[in-house]
Amino acid sequence: MTEQDVGPIDYLVVEFPGAQLKGEALAELVNLVERGIVRILDLAVAVVGDNGDFTVVEITDLDGDGELDLAVFEGVSSGLLSEEDIAESAALVGAGGAVAMLVYENTWAGPFVSALRRADAEVIASGRIPADEVIAALDALENA
């Protein structure tokens, strides 16, 4: 097997109340992709109906006119995000809302991870510190 630089894979599930996808976050995501910081592996958006049923919408045709709006996301599907994942995510969203599910690779970390492997090092723990906790800690430090 050929060694590849593969960074950590993360996912996000984001609720959009009232199915209001304004596009600013999507523009930032495109920016991250274009700069090579992340690689999108899966991206799905589902709109939840009044009865709890959901419809997956094509992210590349945001205005529903049948024309491609975001070619960068066309065919983005690695298979890591399953129909069951989409259903579970949609169940977390209220009627009339939308949910976006994103699976992405942190490509910036790929060369670092490969260097660790070559050094026979092993990641033995990882995690995330919630942003609000970091902000609170920085605020407390600044106010001390």
Protein backbone atom coordinates (compact mmCIF):
# COMPACT_ATOMS: atom_id res chain seq x y z
CA MET A 1 0.00 0.00 0.00
CA THR A 2 1.34 3.41 -0.98
CA GLU A 3 1.69 5.87 1.85
CA GLN A 4 -0.49 8.94 1.41
CA ASP A 5 -0.59 12.17 3.33
CA VAL A 6 -4.03 11.92 4.90
CA GLY A 7 -5.08 14.33 7.61
CA PRO A 8 -7.62 13.74 10.35
CA ILE A 9 -11.21 13.30 9.20
CA ASP A 10 -13.91 15.30 11.00
CA TYR A 11 -17.61 15.85 10.63
CA LEU A 12 -20.08 18.61 11.43
CA VAL A 13 -23.85 18.57 11.65
CA VAL A 14 -25.37 22.05 11.49
CA GLU A 15 -29.00 23.08 11.97
CA PHE A 16 -30.49 25.91 9.91
CA PRO A 17 -33.80 26.97 11.54
CA GLY A 18 -36.41 27.83 8.96
CA ALA A 19 -34.14 26.26 6.30
CA GLN A 20 -32.42 29.65 5.90
CA LEU A 21 -29.08 28.87 4.24
CA LYS A 22 -27.66 32.32 3.63
CA GLY A 23 -24.44 31.28 1.91
CA GLU A 24 -21.80 33.12 3.97
CA ALA A 25 -20.57 29.95 5.68
CA LEU A 26 -20.61 28.10 2.37
CA ALA A 27 -18.42 30.82 0.84
CA GLU A 28 -15.93 30.33 3.70
CA LEU A 29 -16.00 26.57 3.13
CA VAL A 30 -15.22 27.09 -0.57
CA ASN A 31 -12.34 29.35 0.50
CA LEU A 32 -10.93 26.64 2.79
CA VAL A 33 -11.15 24.08 -0.03
CA GLU A 34 -9.52 26.39 -2.57
CA ARG A 35 -6.66 27.13 -0.15
CA GLY A 36 -6.08 23.38 0.40
CA ILE A 37 -6.81 23.53 4.13
CA VAL A 38 -9.67 21.03 3.98
CA ARG A 39 -10.97 18.51 1.46
CA ILE A 40 -14.69 17.82 1.41
CA LEU A 41 -15.43 14.09 1.51
CA ASP A 42 -19.20 14.24 1.95
CA LEU A 43 -21.68 17.09 2.01
CA ALA A 44 -25.44 16.69 2.30
CA VAL A 45 -28.29 19.04 3.12
CA ALA A 46 -31.76 17.85 4.12
CA VAL A 47 -34.91 19.90 4.62
CA VAL A 48 -37.30 18.58 7.27
CA GLY A 49 -41.03 18.64 6.55
CA ASP A 50 -43.87 19.29 8.97
CA ASN A 51 -44.39 15.56 9.55
CA GLY A 52 -40.70 14.92 10.26
CA ASP A 53 -39.97 13.45 6.83
CA PHE A 54 -36.95 14.93 5.12
CA THR A 55 -35.78 15.61 1.60
CA VAL A 56 -32.12 15.66 0.65
CA VAL A 57 -31.39 18.66 -1.56
CA GLU A 58 -28.51 18.96 -4.00
CA ILE A 59 -26.07 21.50 -2.58
CA THR A 60 -24.84 22.39 -6.04
CA ASP A 61 -28.26 23.80 -7.05
CA LEU A 62 -29.09 26.05 -4.12
CA ASP A 63 -31.83 28.07 -5.79
CA GLY A 64 -33.57 25.01 -7.28
CA ASP A 65 -33.50 26.29 -10.86
CA GLY A 66 -31.82 23.13 -12.18
CA GLU A 67 -28.55 24.90 -12.93
CA LEU A 68 -25.25 24.24 -11.20
CA ASP A 69 -24.46 26.98 -8.66
CA LEU A 70 -21.50 25.41 -6.86
CA ALA A 71 -19.59 23.09 -9.17
CA VAL A 72 -16.91 22.62 -6.50
CA PHE A 73 -19.36 20.38 -4.57
CA GLU A 74 -20.66 18.36 -7.53
CA GLY A 75 -20.40 14.63 -6.86
CA VAL A 76 -18.91 15.06 -3.38
CA SER A 77 -19.54 11.67 -1.82
CA SER A 78 -17.01 9.35 -0.24
CA GLY A 79 -19.58 6.96 1.18
CA LEU A 80 -18.61 7.83 4.77
CA LEU A 81 -21.93 9.66 5.24
CA SER A 82 -24.75 7.12 5.06
CA GLU A 83 -28.51 7.43 4.57
CA GLU A 84 -28.85 6.43 8.23
CA ASP A 85 -26.54 9.30 9.25
CA ILE A 86 -28.68 11.72 7.27
CA ALA A 87 -31.90 10.37 8.84
CA GLU A 88 -30.42 10.63 12.36
CA SER A 89 -29.27 14.18 11.69
CA ALA A 90 -32.64 15.19 10.22
CA ALA A 91 -34.35 13.81 13.35
CA LEU A 92 -32.44 16.41 15.42
CA VAL A 93 -33.97 19.32 13.48
CA GLY A 94 -37.39 20.84 13.95
CA ALA A 95 -40.07 20.87 11.25
CA GLY A 96 -39.36 23.40 8.53
CA GLY A 97 -35.64 23.43 9.33
CA ALA A 98 -32.68 22.18 7.39
CA VAL A 99 -29.63 20.23 8.44
CA ALA A 100 -26.25 20.18 6.73
CA MET A 101 -23.83 17.30 7.23
CA LEU A 102 -20.20 17.73 6.30
CA VAL A 103 -17.38 15.16 6.40
CA TYR A 104 -13.99 16.68 5.69
CA GLU A 105 -10.29 15.94 5.80
CA ASN A 106 -7.95 18.38 7.50
CA THR A 107 -5.49 18.32 4.61
CA TRP A 108 -3.14 20.77 6.32
CA ALA A 109 -2.28 17.97 8.78
CA GLY A 110 -1.58 15.23 6.23
CA PRO A 111 2.19 15.77 5.89
CA PHE A 112 2.52 16.06 9.69
CA VAL A 113 0.61 12.80 10.23
CA SER A 114 2.78 11.04 7.63
CA ALA A 115 5.95 12.31 9.35
CA LEU A 116 4.67 10.91 12.64
CA ARG A 117 4.04 7.52 11.00
CA ARG A 118 7.54 7.46 9.52
CA ALA A 119 8.91 8.15 13.02
CA ASP A 120 6.86 5.21 14.35
CA ALA A 121 4.92 7.64 16.52
CA GLU A 122 1.30 6.96 17.34
CA VAL A 123 -1.49 9.34 18.28
CA ILE A 124 -2.79 8.00 21.57
CA ALA A 125 -5.43 10.65 22.26
CA SER A 126 -7.15 13.48 20.46
CA GLY A 127 -10.21 15.58 20.94
CA ARG A 128 -11.79 18.97 20.62
CA ILE A 129 -12.17 21.76 23.12
CA PRO A 130 -15.46 23.60 22.51
CA ALA A 131 -14.93 27.13 21.18
CA ASP A 132 -17.01 28.69 23.97
CA GLU A 133 -14.68 27.14 26.57
CA VAL A 134 -11.61 28.51 24.78
CA ILE A 135 -13.17 31.97 24.54
CA ALA A 136 -14.12 31.89 28.24
CA ALA A 137 -10.58 30.83 29.22
CA LEU A 138 -9.02 33.57 27.07
CA ASP A 139 -11.44 36.16 28.50
CA ALA A 140 -10.58 35.06 32.04
CA LEU A 141 -6.86 35.29 31.26
CA GLU A 142 -7.28 38.74 29.76
CA ASN A 143 -9.30 39.94 32.77
CA ALA A 144 -6.84 38.53 35.33
